[in-house]
Amino acid sequence: MDYIRRIKDLREDSDYTQEYVAHILGTSQTMYARYERGANELPIRHLISLCRLYHVSSDYLLGLSDKK
């Protein structure tokens, strides 16, 4: 499983909207949707923010580990 699937799954499991997560990241909903579709690569600063938001490691989010 790659990070694109994981960020979507984590968002849905947390009952967050794309708009809410985009607000946390300081970006637009449109740009966040592009991250979830894989149309744009996720910047490192957003990766860090998502790890904090979901309380997971970067290895988990990137699909390098199954341990959160």
C-alpha atoms as a PDB file:
ATOM      1  CA  MET A   1       0.000   0.000   0.000  1.00  0.00           C
ATOM      2  CA  ASP A   2       1.443   3.371  -0.926  1.00  0.00           C
ATOM      3  CA  TYR A   3       1.105   6.724   0.809  1.00  0.00           C
ATOM      4  CA  ILE A   4      -1.676   7.865  -1.529  1.00  0.00           C
ATOM      5  CA  ARG A   5      -3.951   5.094  -0.297  1.00  0.00           C
ATOM      6  CA  ARG A   6      -2.866   5.508   3.305  1.00  0.00           C
ATOM      7  CA  ILE A   7      -3.587   9.244   3.496  1.00  0.00           C
ATOM      8  CA  LYS A   8      -7.058   8.657   2.082  1.00  0.00           C
ATOM      9  CA  ASP A   9      -7.759   5.697   4.385  1.00  0.00           C
ATOM     10  CA  LEU A  10      -6.554   7.588   7.463  1.00  0.00           C
ATOM     11  CA  ARG A  11      -8.689  10.598   6.569  1.00  0.00           C
ATOM     12  CA  GLU A  12     -11.802   8.488   6.006  1.00  0.00           C
ATOM     13  CA  ASP A  13     -11.200   6.427   9.169  1.00  0.00           C
ATOM     14  CA  SER A  14     -10.978   9.678  11.137  1.00  0.00           C
ATOM     15  CA  ASP A  15     -14.172  11.028   9.522  1.00  0.00           C
ATOM     16  CA  TYR A  16     -12.312  14.104   8.271  1.00  0.00           C
ATOM     17  CA  THR A  17     -13.207  15.920   5.087  1.00  0.00           C
ATOM     18  CA  GLN A  18     -10.630  16.849   2.500  1.00  0.00           C
ATOM     19  CA  GLU A  19     -11.429  20.469   3.301  1.00  0.00           C
ATOM     20  CA  TYR A  20     -10.612  19.959   6.993  1.00  0.00           C
ATOM     21  CA  VAL A  21      -7.294  18.230   6.297  1.00  0.00           C
ATOM     22  CA  ALA A  22      -6.401  20.890   3.715  1.00  0.00           C
ATOM     23  CA  HIS A  23      -7.063  23.558   6.350  1.00  0.00           C
ATOM     24  CA  ILE A  24      -4.732  21.775   8.797  1.00  0.00           C
ATOM     25  CA  LEU A  25      -2.046  21.644   6.098  1.00  0.00           C
ATOM     26  CA  GLY A  26      -2.565  25.264   5.098  1.00  0.00           C
ATOM     27  CA  THR A  27      -3.466  24.427   1.527  1.00  0.00           C
ATOM     28  CA  SER A  28      -6.605  24.323  -0.604  1.00  0.00           C
ATOM     29  CA  GLN A  29      -9.041  21.423  -0.765  1.00  0.00           C
ATOM     30  CA  THR A  30      -8.273  21.156  -4.479  1.00  0.00           C
ATOM     31  CA  MET A  31      -4.556  20.742  -3.847  1.00  0.00           C
ATOM     32  CA  TYR A  32      -5.164  18.186  -1.099  1.00  0.00           C
ATOM     33  CA  ALA A  33      -7.443  16.211  -3.433  1.00  0.00           C
ATOM     34  CA  ARG A  34      -4.573  16.174  -5.935  1.00  0.00           C
ATOM     35  CA  TYR A  35      -2.332  14.618  -3.258  1.00  0.00           C
ATOM     36  CA  GLU A  36      -4.913  11.877  -2.625  1.00  0.00           C
ATOM     37  CA  ARG A  37      -5.191  11.166  -6.355  1.00  0.00           C
ATOM     38  CA  GLY A  38      -1.424  11.140  -6.821  1.00  0.00           C
ATOM     39  CA  ALA A  39      -1.559  14.043  -9.278  1.00  0.00           C
ATOM     40  CA  ASN A  40       0.864  16.015  -7.064  1.00  0.00           C
ATOM     41  CA  GLU A  41       3.542  14.744  -4.725  1.00  0.00           C
ATOM     42  CA  LEU A  42       3.060  15.419  -1.039  1.00  0.00           C
ATOM     43  CA  PRO A  43       5.608  17.961   0.287  1.00  0.00           C
ATOM     44  CA  ILE A  44       7.677  16.913   3.304  1.00  0.00           C
ATOM     45  CA  ARG A  45       6.106  19.640   5.472  1.00  0.00           C
ATOM     46  CA  HIS A  46       2.667  18.169   4.746  1.00  0.00           C
ATOM     47  CA  LEU A  47       3.905  14.652   5.447  1.00  0.00           C
ATOM     48  CA  ILE A  48       5.050  15.795   8.884  1.00  0.00           C
ATOM     49  CA  SER A  49       1.725  17.534   9.559  1.00  0.00           C
ATOM     50  CA  LEU A  50      -0.241  14.440   8.533  1.00  0.00           C
ATOM     51  CA  CYS A  51       1.862  12.228  10.808  1.00  0.00           C
ATOM     52  CA  ARG A  52       1.065  14.556  13.692  1.00  0.00           C
ATOM     53  CA  LEU A  53      -2.619  14.779  12.794  1.00  0.00           C
ATOM     54  CA  TYR A  54      -3.086  11.002  12.617  1.00  0.00           C
ATOM     55  CA  HIS A  55      -0.487  10.084  15.292  1.00  0.00           C
ATOM     56  CA  VAL A  56       1.387   7.755  12.953  1.00  0.00           C
ATOM     57  CA  SER A  57       5.015   7.442  11.919  1.00  0.00           C
ATOM     58  CA  SER A  58       6.264   8.645   8.555  1.00  0.00           C
ATOM     59  CA  ASP A  59       7.313   5.054   7.788  1.00  0.00           C
ATOM     60  CA  TYR A  60       3.707   3.953   8.239  1.00  0.00           C
ATOM     61  CA  LEU A  61       2.313   6.780   6.148  1.00  0.00           C
ATOM     62  CA  LEU A  62       4.799   6.094   3.355  1.00  0.00           C
ATOM     63  CA  GLY A  63       4.017   2.374   3.358  1.00  0.00           C
ATOM     64  CA  LEU A  64       7.456   1.344   4.602  1.00  0.00           C
ATOM     65  CA  SER A  65       6.013  -0.199   7.760  1.00  0.00           C
ATOM     66  CA  ASP A  66       2.694  -1.596   8.884  1.00  0.00           C
ATOM     67  CA  LYS A  67       3.331  -0.399  12.444  1.00  0.00           C
ATOM     68  CA  LYS A  68       1.586   2.896  13.107  1.00  0.00           C
END
